Amino acid sequence: ARLERMQASPLWAGGRFRNVHPMLPGLRDPQATMPSLTDF
């Protein structure tokens, strides 16, 4: 029943939850790379 309730959410799609609000421009630097494990 817990999973059924989750699947009924408008935020659920493709077997998982998702952010539905469009990402605002400029929040993520397209030139920045994710840190490596060594960096972290």
Full PDB file with SEQRES, HELIX, SHEET, SSBOND, CRYST1, ORIGX, SCALE, CONECT and MASTER records, all heavy atoms in Angstrom:
SEQRES   1 A   40  ALA ARG LEU GLU ARG MET GLN ALA SER PRO LEU TRP ALA          
SEQRES   2 A   40  GLY GLY ARG PHE ARG ASN VAL HIS PRO MET LEU PRO GLY          
SEQRES   3 A   40  LEU ARG ASP PRO GLN ALA THR MET PRO SER LEU THR ASP          
SEQRES   4 A   40  PHE                                                          
HELIX    1 AA1 ARG A    2  GLN A    7  1                                   6    
CRYST1    1.000    1.000    1.000  90.00  90.00  90.00 P 1           1          
ORIGX1      1.000000  0.000000  0.000000        0.00000                         
ORIGX2      0.000000  1.000000  0.000000        0.00000                         
ORIGX3      0.000000  0.000000  1.000000        0.00000                         
SCALE1      1.000000  0.000000  0.000000        0.00000                         
SCALE2      0.000000  1.000000  0.000000        0.00000                         
SCALE3      0.000000  0.000000  1.000000        0.00000                         
ATOM      1  N   ALA A   1       0.822  -1.213   0.000  1.00  0.00           N  
ATOM      2  CA  ALA A   1       0.000   0.000   0.000  1.00  0.00           C  
ATOM      3  C   ALA A   1       0.853   1.259   0.000  1.00  0.00           C  
ATOM      4  O   ALA A   1       0.477   2.273  -0.607  1.00  0.00           O  
ATOM      5  CB  ALA A   1      -0.933  -0.019   1.206  1.00  0.00           C  
ATOM      6  N   ARG A   2       1.999   1.214   0.665  1.00  0.00           N  
ATOM      7  CA  ARG A   2       2.889   2.384   0.681  1.00  0.00           C  
ATOM      8  C   ARG A   2       3.349   2.709  -0.744  1.00  0.00           C  
ATOM      9  O   ARG A   2       3.318   3.874  -1.167  1.00  0.00           O  
ATOM     10  CB  ARG A   2       4.081   2.127   1.589  1.00  0.00           C  
ATOM     11  CG  ARG A   2       5.131   3.243   1.534  1.00  0.00           C  
ATOM     12  CD  ARG A   2       6.299   3.007   2.486  1.00  0.00           C  
ATOM     13  NE  ARG A   2       5.952   3.390   3.846  1.00  0.00           N  
ATOM     14  CZ  ARG A   2       5.914   2.557   4.867  1.00  0.00           C  
ATOM     15  NH1 ARG A   2       6.202   1.261   4.689  1.00  0.00           N  
ATOM     16  NH2 ARG A   2       5.590   2.987   6.069  1.00  0.00           N  
ATOM     17  N   LEU A   3       3.770   1.708  -1.477  1.00  0.00           N  
ATOM     18  CA  LEU A   3       4.237   1.924  -2.839  1.00  0.00           C  
ATOM     19  C   LEU A   3       3.089   2.388  -3.738  1.00  0.00           C  
ATOM     20  O   LEU A   3       3.285   3.277  -4.591  1.00  0.00           O  
ATOM     21  CB  LEU A   3       4.850   0.637  -3.388  1.00  0.00           C  
ATOM     22  CG  LEU A   3       5.389   0.698  -4.818  1.00  0.00           C  
ATOM     23  CD1 LEU A   3       6.457   1.782  -4.961  1.00  0.00           C  
ATOM     24  CD2 LEU A   3       5.939  -0.655  -5.241  1.00  0.00           C  
ATOM     25  N   GLU A   4       1.912   1.845  -3.550  1.00  0.00           N  
ATOM     26  CA  GLU A   4       0.769   2.270  -4.361  1.00  0.00           C  
ATOM     27  C   GLU A   4       0.465   3.747  -4.138  1.00  0.00           C  
ATOM     28  O   GLU A   4       0.135   4.475  -5.085  1.00  0.00           O  
ATOM     29  CB  GLU A   4      -0.457   1.422  -4.011  1.00  0.00           C  
ATOM     30  CG  GLU A   4      -0.340  -0.027  -4.465  1.00  0.00           C  
ATOM     31  CD  GLU A   4      -1.547  -0.852  -4.057  1.00  0.00           C  
ATOM     32  OE1 GLU A   4      -2.512  -0.264  -3.523  1.00  0.00           O  
ATOM     33  OE2 GLU A   4      -1.524  -2.072  -4.281  1.00  0.00           O  
ATOM     34  N   ARG A   5       0.560   4.193  -2.903  1.00  0.00           N  
ATOM     35  CA  ARG A   5       0.322   5.607  -2.626  1.00  0.00           C  
ATOM     36  C   ARG A   5       1.386   6.474  -3.278  1.00  0.00           C  
ATOM     37  O   ARG A   5       1.093   7.552  -3.813  1.00  0.00           O  
ATOM     38  CB  ARG A   5       0.294   5.842  -1.118  1.00  0.00           C  
ATOM     39  CG  ARG A   5      -0.054   7.270  -0.772  1.00  0.00           C  
ATOM     40  CD  ARG A   5      -0.375   7.467   0.690  1.00  0.00           C  
ATOM     41  NE  ARG A   5      -0.545   8.893   0.927  1.00  0.00           N  
ATOM     42  CZ  ARG A   5       0.101   9.587   1.836  1.00  0.00           C  
ATOM     43  NH1 ARG A   5       0.964   8.984   2.639  1.00  0.00           N  
ATOM     44  NH2 ARG A   5      -0.110  10.874   1.988  1.00  0.00           N  
ATOM     45  N   MET A   6       2.625   6.035  -3.240  1.00  0.00           N  
ATOM     46  CA  MET A   6       3.693   6.776  -3.896  1.00  0.00           C  
ATOM     47  C   MET A   6       3.437   6.875  -5.396  1.00  0.00           C  
ATOM     48  O   MET A   6       3.611   7.942  -6.003  1.00  0.00           O  
ATOM     49  CB  MET A   6       5.035   6.097  -3.619  1.00  0.00           C  
ATOM     50  CG  MET A   6       5.468   6.136  -2.159  1.00  0.00           C  
ATOM     51  SD  MET A   6       6.724   4.891  -1.735  1.00  0.00           S  
ATOM     52  CE  MET A   6       8.025   5.254  -2.908  1.00  0.00           C  
ATOM     53  N   GLN A   7       3.044   5.780  -6.004  1.00  0.00           N  
ATOM     54  CA  GLN A   7       2.816   5.753  -7.449  1.00  0.00           C  
ATOM     55  C   GLN A   7       1.651   6.632  -7.869  1.00  0.00           C  
ATOM     56  O   GLN A   7       1.566   7.039  -9.030  1.00  0.00           O  
ATOM     57  CB  GLN A   7       2.591   4.312  -7.890  1.00  0.00           C  
ATOM     58  CG  GLN A   7       3.835   3.436  -7.754  1.00  0.00           C  
ATOM     59  CD  GLN A   7       3.548   1.959  -7.961  1.00  0.00           C  
ATOM     60  OE1 GLN A   7       2.418   1.491  -7.753  1.00  0.00           O  
ATOM     61  NE2 GLN A   7       4.558   1.207  -8.365  1.00  0.00           N  
ATOM     62  N   ALA A   8       0.757   6.954  -6.922  1.00  0.00           N  
ATOM     63  CA  ALA A   8      -0.385   7.823  -7.223  1.00  0.00           C  
ATOM     64  C   ALA A   8      -0.018   9.296  -7.167  1.00  0.00           C  
ATOM     65  O   ALA A   8      -0.817  10.155  -7.554  1.00  0.00           O  
ATOM     66  CB  ALA A   8      -1.529   7.537  -6.252  1.00  0.00           C  
ATOM     67  N   SER A   9       1.175   9.615  -6.701  1.00  0.00           N  
ATOM     68  CA  SER A   9       1.598  11.002  -6.589  1.00  0.00           C  
ATOM     69  C   SER A   9       1.845  11.607  -7.964  1.00  0.00           C  
ATOM     70  O   SER A   9       2.415  10.953  -8.847  1.00  0.00           O  
ATOM     71  CB  SER A   9       2.883  11.093  -5.758  1.00  0.00           C  
ATOM     72  OG  SER A   9       3.441  12.396  -5.854  1.00  0.00           O  
ATOM     73  N   PRO A  10       1.473  12.867  -8.180  1.00  0.00           N  
ATOM     74  CA  PRO A  10       1.797  13.524  -9.453  1.00  0.00           C  
ATOM     75  C   PRO A  10       3.294  13.734  -9.653  1.00  0.00           C  
ATOM     76  O   PRO A  10       3.728  14.059 -10.758  1.00  0.00           O  
ATOM     77  CB  PRO A  10       1.059  14.868  -9.345  1.00  0.00           C  
ATOM     78  CG  PRO A  10       0.828  15.082  -7.888  1.00  0.00           C  
ATOM     79  CD  PRO A  10       0.668  13.724  -7.292  1.00  0.00           C  
ATOM     80  N   LEU A  11       4.069  13.536  -8.602  1.00  0.00           N  
ATOM     81  CA  LEU A  11       5.522  13.679  -8.708  1.00  0.00           C  
ATOM     82  C   LEU A  11       6.207  12.386  -9.146  1.00  0.00           C  
ATOM     83  O   LEU A  11       7.416  12.375  -9.362  1.00  0.00           O  
ATOM     84  CB  LEU A  11       6.102  14.118  -7.361  1.00  0.00           C  
ATOM     85  CG  LEU A  11       5.506  15.395  -6.761  1.00  0.00           C  
ATOM     86  CD1 LEU A  11       6.021  15.611  -5.347  1.00  0.00           C  
ATOM     87  CD2 LEU A  11       5.817  16.596  -7.640  1.00  0.00           C  
ATOM     88  N   TRP A  12       5.438  11.293  -9.252  1.00  0.00           N  
ATOM     89  CA  TRP A  12       5.994   9.982  -9.594  1.00  0.00           C  
ATOM     90  C   TRP A  12       5.886   9.754 -11.101  1.00  0.00           C  
ATOM     91  O   TRP A  12       4.829   9.937 -11.699  1.00  0.00           O  
ATOM     92  CB  TRP A  12       5.231   8.894  -8.834  1.00  0.00           C  
ATOM     93  CG  TRP A  12       5.735   7.502  -9.047  1.00  0.00           C  
ATOM     94  CD1 TRP A  12       5.377   6.638 -10.036  1.00  0.00           C  
ATOM     95  CD2 TRP A  12       6.678   6.789  -8.242  1.00  0.00           C  
ATOM     96  NE1 TRP A  12       6.030   5.441  -9.911  1.00  0.00           N  
ATOM     97  CE2 TRP A  12       6.838   5.500  -8.809  1.00  0.00           C  
ATOM     98  CE3 TRP A  12       7.387   7.108  -7.085  1.00  0.00           C  
ATOM     99  CZ2 TRP A  12       7.679   4.540  -8.259  1.00  0.00           C  
ATOM    100  CZ3 TRP A  12       8.240   6.160  -6.536  1.00  0.00           C  
ATOM    101  CH2 TRP A  12       8.381   4.899  -7.115  1.00  0.00           C  
ATOM    102  N   ALA A  13       6.973   9.347 -11.720  1.00  0.00           N  
ATOM    103  CA  ALA A  13       6.964   9.036 -13.149  1.00  0.00           C  
ATOM    104  C   ALA A  13       8.144   8.138 -13.458  1.00  0.00           C  
ATOM    105  O   ALA A  13       9.243   8.332 -12.921  1.00  0.00           O  
ATOM    106  CB  ALA A  13       7.027  10.304 -13.998  1.00  0.00           C  
ATOM    107  N   GLY A  14       7.936   7.144 -14.280  1.00  0.00           N  
ATOM    108  CA  GLY A  14       9.027   6.268 -14.683  1.00  0.00           C  
ATOM    109  C   GLY A  14       9.634   5.471 -13.550  1.00  0.00           C  
ATOM    110  O   GLY A  14      10.829   5.174 -13.577  1.00  0.00           O  
ATOM    111  N   GLY A  15       8.824   5.150 -12.545  1.00  0.00           N  
ATOM    112  CA  GLY A  15       9.309   4.334 -11.446  1.00  0.00           C  
ATOM    113  C   GLY A  15      10.067   5.080 -10.375  1.00  0.00           C  
ATOM    114  O   GLY A  15      10.716   4.455  -9.529  1.00  0.00           O  
ATOM    115  N   ARG A  16       9.978   6.420 -10.364  1.00  0.00           N  
ATOM    116  CA  ARG A  16      10.686   7.200  -9.347  1.00  0.00           C  
ATOM    117  C   ARG A  16      10.073   8.590  -9.239  1.00  0.00           C  
ATOM    118  O   ARG A  16       9.286   9.013 -10.095  1.00  0.00           O  
ATOM    119  CB  ARG A  16      12.166   7.302  -9.693  1.00  0.00           C  
ATOM    120  CG  ARG A  16      12.469   8.030 -10.992  1.00  0.00           C  
ATOM    121  CD  ARG A  16      13.940   7.976 -11.345  1.00  0.00           C  
ATOM    122  NE  ARG A  16      14.370   6.595 -11.543  1.00  0.00           N  
ATOM    123  CZ  ARG A  16      15.644   6.217 -11.568  1.00  0.00           C  
ATOM    124  NH1 ARG A  16      16.601   7.113 -11.384  1.00  0.00           N  
ATOM    125  NH2 ARG A  16      15.965   4.955 -11.772  1.00  0.00           N  
ATOM    126  N   PHE A  17      10.464   9.294  -8.167  1.00  0.00           N  
ATOM    127  CA  PHE A  17      10.031  10.681  -8.022  1.00  0.00           C  
ATOM    128  C   PHE A  17      10.920  11.593  -8.862  1.00  0.00           C  
ATOM    129  O   PHE A  17      12.021  11.216  -9.270  1.00  0.00           O  
ATOM    130  CB  PHE A  17      10.091  11.104  -6.547  1.00  0.00           C  
ATOM    131  CG  PHE A  17       9.024  10.468  -5.704  1.00  0.00           C  
ATOM    132  CD1 PHE A  17       9.332   9.428  -4.832  1.00  0.00           C  
ATOM    133  CD2 PHE A  17       7.711  10.906  -5.770  1.00  0.00           C  
ATOM    134  CE1 PHE A  17       8.350   8.829  -4.058  1.00  0.00           C  
ATOM    135  CE2 PHE A  17       6.716  10.322  -4.998  1.00  0.00           C  
ATOM    136  CZ  PHE A  17       7.031   9.282  -4.133  1.00  0.00           C  
ATOM    137  N   ARG A  18      10.420  12.812  -9.108  1.00  0.00           N  
ATOM    138  CA  ARG A  18      11.160  13.743  -9.961  1.00  0.00           C  
ATOM    139  C   ARG A  18      10.909  15.166  -9.516  1.00  0.00           C  
ATOM    140  O   ARG A  18       9.900  15.475  -8.866  1.00  0.00           O  
ATOM    141  CB  ARG A  18      10.715  13.590 -11.417  1.00  0.00           C  
ATOM    142  CG  ARG A  18       9.245  13.926 -11.580  1.00  0.00           C  
ATOM    143  CD  ARG A  18       8.616  13.293 -12.813  1.00  0.00           C  
ATOM    144  NE  ARG A  18       7.161  13.396 -12.717  1.00  0.00           N  
ATOM    145  CZ  ARG A  18       6.392  14.038 -13.588  1.00  0.00           C  
ATOM    146  NH1 ARG A  18       6.927  14.630 -14.639  1.00  0.00           N  
ATOM    147  NH2 ARG A  18       5.087  14.081 -13.448  1.00  0.00           N  
ATOM    148  N   ASN A  19      11.832  16.051  -9.858  1.00  0.00           N  
ATOM    149  CA  ASN A  19      11.606  17.476  -9.711  1.00  0.00           C  
ATOM    150  C   ASN A  19      10.751  17.937 -10.892  1.00  0.00           C  
ATOM    151  O   ASN A  19      11.084  17.668 -12.046  1.00  0.00           O  
ATOM    152  CB  ASN A  19      12.931  18.236  -9.709  1.00  0.00           C  
ATOM    153  CG  ASN A  19      13.742  17.969  -8.460  1.00  0.00           C  
ATOM    154  OD1 ASN A  19      13.254  18.100  -7.355  1.00  0.00           O  
ATOM    155  ND2 ASN A  19      15.005  17.583  -8.640  1.00  0.00           N  
ATOM    156  N   VAL A  20       9.638  18.602 -10.606  1.00  0.00           N  
ATOM    157  CA  VAL A  20       8.727  19.004 -11.673  1.00  0.00           C  
ATOM    158  C   VAL A  20       8.881  20.467 -12.061  1.00  0.00           C  
ATOM    159  O   VAL A  20       8.424  20.881 -13.118  1.00  0.00           O  
ATOM    160  CB  VAL A  20       7.259  18.731 -11.259  1.00  0.00           C  
ATOM    161  CG1 VAL A  20       7.029  17.234 -11.102  1.00  0.00           C  
ATOM    162  CG2 VAL A  20       6.890  19.468  -9.978  1.00  0.00           C  
ATOM    163  N   HIS A  21       9.529  21.254 -11.227  1.00  0.00           N  
ATOM    164  CA  HIS A  21       9.703  22.664 -11.533  1.00  0.00           C  
ATOM    165  C   HIS A  21      10.911  22.839 -12.444  1.00  0.00           C  
ATOM    166  O   HIS A  21      11.981  22.292 -12.177  1.00  0.00           O  
ATOM    167  CB  HIS A  21       9.911  23.454 -10.237  1.00  0.00           C  
ATOM    168  CG  HIS A  21       9.852  24.935 -10.414  1.00  0.00           C  
ATOM    169  ND1 HIS A  21      10.948  25.678 -10.790  1.00  0.00           N  
ATOM    170  CD2 HIS A  21       8.826  25.816 -10.282  1.00  0.00           C  
ATOM    171  CE1 HIS A  21      10.605  26.951 -10.872  1.00  0.00           C  
ATOM    172  NE2 HIS A  21       9.334  27.066 -10.566  1.00  0.00           N  
ATOM    173  N   PRO A  22      10.789  23.596 -13.531  1.00  0.00           N  
ATOM    174  CA  PRO A  22      11.946  23.790 -14.423  1.00  0.00           C  
ATOM    175  C   PRO A  22      13.116  24.412 -13.665  1.00  0.00           C  
ATOM    176  O   PRO A  22      12.938  25.308 -12.837  1.00  0.00           O  
ATOM    177  CB  PRO A  22      11.406  24.754 -15.489  1.00  0.00           C  
ATOM    178  CG  PRO A  22       9.922  24.588 -15.446  1.00  0.00           C  
ATOM    179  CD  PRO A  22       9.575  24.295 -14.018  1.00  0.00           C  
ATOM    180  N   MET A  23      14.320  23.923 -13.971  1.00  0.00           N  
ATOM    181  CA  MET A  23      15.505  24.462 -13.314  1.00  0.00           C  
ATOM    182  C   MET A  23      15.734  25.900 -13.768  1.00  0.00           C  
ATOM    183  O   MET A  23      15.725  26.193 -14.962  1.00  0.00           O  
ATOM    184  CB  MET A  23      16.727  23.605 -13.638  1.00  0.00           C  
ATOM    185  CG  MET A  23      17.988  24.035 -12.900  1.00  0.00           C  
ATOM    186  SD  MET A  23      19.385  22.924 -13.192  1.00  0.00           S  
ATOM    187  CE  MET A  23      19.778  23.319 -14.905  1.00  0.00           C  
ATOM    188  N   LEU A  24      15.933  26.782 -12.809  1.00  0.00           N  
ATOM    189  CA  LEU A  24      16.154  28.184 -13.132  1.00  0.00           C  
ATOM    190  C   LEU A  24      17.508  28.353 -13.824  1.00  0.00           C  
ATOM    191  O   LEU A  24      18.488  27.676 -13.472  1.00  0.00           O  
ATOM    192  CB  LEU A  24      16.117  29.028 -11.858  1.00  0.00           C  
ATOM    193  CG  LEU A  24      14.783  29.024 -11.095  1.00  0.00           C  
ATOM    194  CD1 LEU A  24      14.903  29.844  -9.825  1.00  0.00           C  
ATOM    195  CD2 LEU A  24      13.660  29.547 -11.972  1.00  0.00           C  
ATOM    196  N   PRO A  25      17.600  29.237 -14.798  1.00  0.00           N  
ATOM    197  CA  PRO A  25      18.875  29.433 -15.507  1.00  0.00           C  
ATOM    198  C   PRO A  25      19.945  29.975 -14.576  1.00  0.00           C  
ATOM    199  O   PRO A  25      19.675  30.772 -13.669  1.00  0.00           O  
ATOM    200  CB  PRO A  25      18.509  30.447 -16.597  1.00  0.00           C  
ATOM    201  CG  PRO A  25      17.275  31.137 -16.101  1.00  0.00           C  
ATOM    202  CD  PRO A  25      16.532  30.120 -15.308  1.00  0.00           C  
ATOM    203  N   GLY A  26      21.173  29.518 -14.805  1.00  0.00           N  
ATOM    204  CA  GLY A  26      22.312  30.029 -14.061  1.00  0.00           C  
ATOM    205  C   GLY A  26      22.600  29.337 -12.749  1.00  0.00           C  
ATOM    206  O   GLY A  26      23.600  29.651 -12.105  1.00  0.00           O  
ATOM    207  N   LEU A  27      21.760  28.393 -12.342  1.00  0.00           N  
ATOM    208  CA  LEU A  27      22.006  27.728 -11.063  1.00  0.00           C  
ATOM    209  C   LEU A  27      23.182  26.767 -11.139  1.00  0.00           C  
ATOM    210  O   LEU A  27      23.945  26.642 -10.188  1.00  0.00           O  
ATOM    211  CB  LEU A  27      20.748  26.971 -10.606  1.00  0.00           C  
ATOM    212  CG  LEU A  27      19.546  27.808 -10.192  1.00  0.00           C  
ATOM    213  CD1 LEU A  27      18.436  26.898  -9.677  1.00  0.00           C  
ATOM    214  CD2 LEU A  27      19.928  28.827  -9.124  1.00  0.00           C  
ATOM    215  N   ARG A  28      23.311  26.077 -12.243  1.00  0.00           N  
ATOM    216  CA  ARG A  28      24.400  25.112 -12.399  1.00  0.00           C  
ATOM    217  C   ARG A  28      25.374  25.621 -13.453  1.00  0.00           C  
ATOM    218  O   ARG A  28      24.960  26.001 -14.549  1.00  0.00           O  
ATOM    219  CB  ARG A  28      23.853  23.748 -12.812  1.00  0.00           C  
ATOM    220  CG  ARG A  28      24.935  22.678 -12.955  1.00  0.00           C  
ATOM    221  CD  ARG A  28      24.405  21.425 -13.622  1.00  0.00           C  
ATOM    222  NE  ARG A  28      23.391  20.760 -12.801  1.00  0.00           N  
ATOM    223  CZ  ARG A  28      22.702  19.691 -13.197  1.00  0.00           C  
ATOM    224  NH1 ARG A  28      22.895  19.203 -14.422  1.00  0.00           N  
ATOM    225  NH2 ARG A  28      21.810  19.139 -12.403  1.00  0.00           N  
ATOM    226  N   ASP A  29      26.646  25.624 -13.122  1.00  0.00           N  
ATOM    227  CA  ASP A  29      27.679  26.059 -14.054  1.00  0.00           C  
ATOM    228  C   ASP A  29      27.965  24.922 -15.035  1.00  0.00           C  
ATOM    229  O   ASP A  29      28.490  23.869 -14.637  1.00  0.00           O  
ATOM    230  CB  ASP A  29      28.948  26.424 -13.278  1.00  0.00           C  
ATOM    231  CG  ASP A  29      30.054  26.939 -14.178  1.00  0.00           C  
ATOM    232  OD1 ASP A  29      29.903  26.881 -15.420  1.00  0.00           O  
ATOM    233  OD2 ASP A  29      31.090  27.385 -13.642  1.00  0.00           O  
ATOM    234  N   PRO A  30      27.639  25.081 -16.325  1.00  0.00           N  
ATOM    235  CA  PRO A  30      27.856  23.986 -17.279  1.00  0.00           C  
ATOM    236  C   PRO A  30      29.327  23.649 -17.489  1.00  0.00           C  
ATOM    237  O   PRO A  30      29.651  22.564 -17.988  1.00  0.00           O  
ATOM    238  CB  PRO A  30      27.215  24.516 -18.567  1.00  0.00           C  
ATOM    239  CG  PRO A  30      27.239  26.004 -18.416  1.00  0.00           C  
ATOM    240  CD  PRO A  30      27.076  26.272 -16.959  1.00  0.00           C  
ATOM    241  N   GLN A  31      30.228  24.558 -17.094  1.00  0.00           N  
ATOM    242  CA  GLN A  31      31.652  24.297 -17.250  1.00  0.00           C  
ATOM    243  C   GLN A  31      32.249  23.564 -16.042  1.00  0.00           C  
ATOM    244  O   GLN A  31      33.379  23.083 -16.116  1.00  0.00           O  
ATOM    245  CB  GLN A  31      32.398  25.627 -17.431  1.00  0.00           C  
ATOM    246  CG  GLN A  31      31.865  26.489 -18.568  1.00  0.00           C  
ATOM    247  CD  GLN A  31      31.907  25.773 -19.897  1.00  0.00           C  
ATOM    248  OE1 GLN A  31      32.873  25.094 -20.222  1.00  0.00           O  
ATOM    249  NE2 GLN A  31      30.836  25.914 -20.680  1.00  0.00           N  
ATOM    250  N   ALA A  32      31.496  23.511 -14.951  1.00  0.00           N  
ATOM    251  CA  ALA A  32      32.017  22.876 -13.738  1.00  0.00           C  
ATOM    252  C   ALA A  32      31.822  21.370 -13.815  1.00  0.00           C  
ATOM    253  O   ALA A  32      30.763  20.877 -14.201  1.00  0.00           O  
ATOM    254  CB  ALA A  32      31.295  23.428 -12.508  1.00  0.00           C  
ATOM    255  N   THR A  33      32.859  20.633 -13.462  1.00  0.00           N  
ATOM    256  CA  THR A  33      32.781  19.181 -13.463  1.00  0.00           C  
ATOM    257  C   THR A  33      32.536  18.668 -12.046  1.00  0.00           C  
ATOM    258  O   THR A  33      32.913  19.309 -11.064  1.00  0.00           O  
ATOM    259  CB  THR A  33      34.081  18.565 -13.999  1.00  0.00           C  
ATOM    260  OG1 THR A  33      35.181  19.003 -13.187  1.00  0.00           O  
ATOM    261  CG2 THR A  33      34.313  18.988 -15.442  1.00  0.00           C  
ATOM    262  N   MET A  34      31.903  17.524 -11.961  1.00  0.00           N  
ATOM    263  CA  MET A  34      31.679  16.915 -10.661  1.00  0.00           C  
ATOM    264  C   MET A  34      33.020  16.523 -10.039  1.00  0.00           C  
ATOM    265  O   MET A  34      33.926  16.057 -10.731  1.00  0.00           O  
ATOM    266  CB  MET A  34      30.811  15.662 -10.808  1.00  0.00           C  
ATOM    267  CG  MET A  34      29.366  15.963 -11.167  1.00  0.00           C  
ATOM    268  SD  MET A  34      28.472  16.690  -9.792  1.00  0.00           S  
ATOM    269  CE  MET A  34      26.819  16.788 -10.499  1.00  0.00           C  
ATOM    270  N   PRO A  35      33.193  16.725  -8.747  1.00  0.00           N  
ATOM    271  CA  PRO A  35      34.459  16.332  -8.113  1.00  0.00           C  
ATOM    272  C   PRO A  35      34.636  14.824  -8.146  1.00  0.00           C  
ATOM    273  O   PRO A  35      33.675  14.065  -8.080  1.00  0.00           O  
ATOM    274  CB  PRO A  35      34.311  16.855  -6.686  1.00  0.00           C  
ATOM    275  CG  PRO A  35      32.843  16.971  -6.469  1.00  0.00           C  
ATOM    276  CD  PRO A  35      32.253  17.322  -7.793  1.00  0.00           C  
ATOM    277  N   SER A  36      35.875  14.406  -8.245  1.00  0.00           N  
ATOM    278  CA  SER A  36      36.192  12.983  -8.189  1.00  0.00           C  
ATOM    279  C   SER A  36      36.228  12.533  -6.735  1.00  0.00           C  
ATOM    280  O   SER A  36      36.167  13.348  -5.804  1.00  0.00           O  
ATOM    281  CB  SER A  36      37.540  12.718  -8.842  1.00  0.00           C  
ATOM    282  OG  SER A  36      38.575  13.325  -8.070  1.00  0.00           O  
ATOM    283  N   LEU A  37      36.346  11.238  -6.527  1.00  0.00           N  
ATOM    284  CA  LEU A  37      36.460  10.721  -5.176  1.00  0.00           C  
ATOM    285  C   LEU A  37      37.723  11.268  -4.506  1.00  0.00           C  
ATOM    286  O   LEU A  37      37.711  11.616  -3.315  1.00  0.00           O  
ATOM    287  CB  LEU A  37      36.496   9.193  -5.194  1.00  0.00           C  
ATOM    288  CG  LEU A  37      36.563   8.501  -3.823  1.00  0.00           C  
ATOM    289  CD1 LEU A  37      35.394   8.906  -2.947  1.00  0.00           C  
ATOM    290  CD2 LEU A  37      36.615   6.985  -3.991  1.00  0.00           C  
ATOM    291  N   THR A  38      38.805  11.399  -5.277  1.00  0.00           N  
ATOM    292  CA  THR A  38      40.041  11.972  -4.732  1.00  0.00           C  
ATOM    293  C   THR A  38      39.827  13.423  -4.322  1.00  0.00           C  
ATOM    294  O   THR A  38      40.293  13.860  -3.268  1.00  0.00           O  
ATOM    295  CB  THR A  38      41.175  11.874  -5.765  1.00  0.00           C  
ATOM    296  OG1 THR A  38      41.399  10.493  -6.094  1.00  0.00           O  
ATOM    297  CG2 THR A  38      42.465  12.468  -5.220  1.00  0.00           C  
ATOM    298  N   ASP A  39      39.112  14.184  -5.169  1.00  0.00           N  
ATOM    299  CA  ASP A  39      38.796  15.573  -4.821  1.00  0.00           C  
ATOM    300  C   ASP A  39      38.027  15.631  -3.511  1.00  0.00           C  
ATOM    301  O   ASP A  39      38.309  16.459  -2.643  1.00  0.00           O  
ATOM    302  CB  ASP A  39      37.959  16.229  -5.915  1.00  0.00           C  
ATOM    303  CG  ASP A  39      38.718  16.430  -7.205  1.00  0.00           C  
ATOM    304  OD1 ASP A  39      39.957  16.542  -7.152  1.00  0.00           O  
ATOM    305  OD2 ASP A  39      38.072  16.457  -8.275  1.00  0.00           O  
ATOM    306  N   PHE A  40      37.053  14.750  -3.392  1.00  0.00           N  
ATOM    307  CA  PHE A  40      36.205  14.791  -2.209  1.00  0.00           C  
ATOM    308  C   PHE A  40      36.988  14.433  -0.954  1.00  0.00           C  
ATOM    309  O   PHE A  40      36.803  15.027   0.106  1.00  0.00           O  
ATOM    310  CB  PHE A  40      35.027  13.833  -2.376  1.00  0.00           C  
ATOM    311  CG  PHE A  40      34.036  13.912  -1.240  1.00  0.00           C  
ATOM    312  CD1 PHE A  40      33.182  14.991  -1.127  1.00  0.00           C  
ATOM    313  CD2 PHE A  40      33.984  12.914  -0.283  1.00  0.00           C  
ATOM    314  CE1 PHE A  40      32.281  15.080  -0.079  1.00  0.00           C  
ATOM    315  CE2 PHE A  40      33.091  12.991   0.771  1.00  0.00           C  
ATOM    316  CZ  PHE A  40      32.238  14.085   0.866  1.00  0.00           C  
TER     317      PHE A  40                                                      
MASTER        0    0    0    1    0    0    0    6  316    1    0    4          
END                                                                             
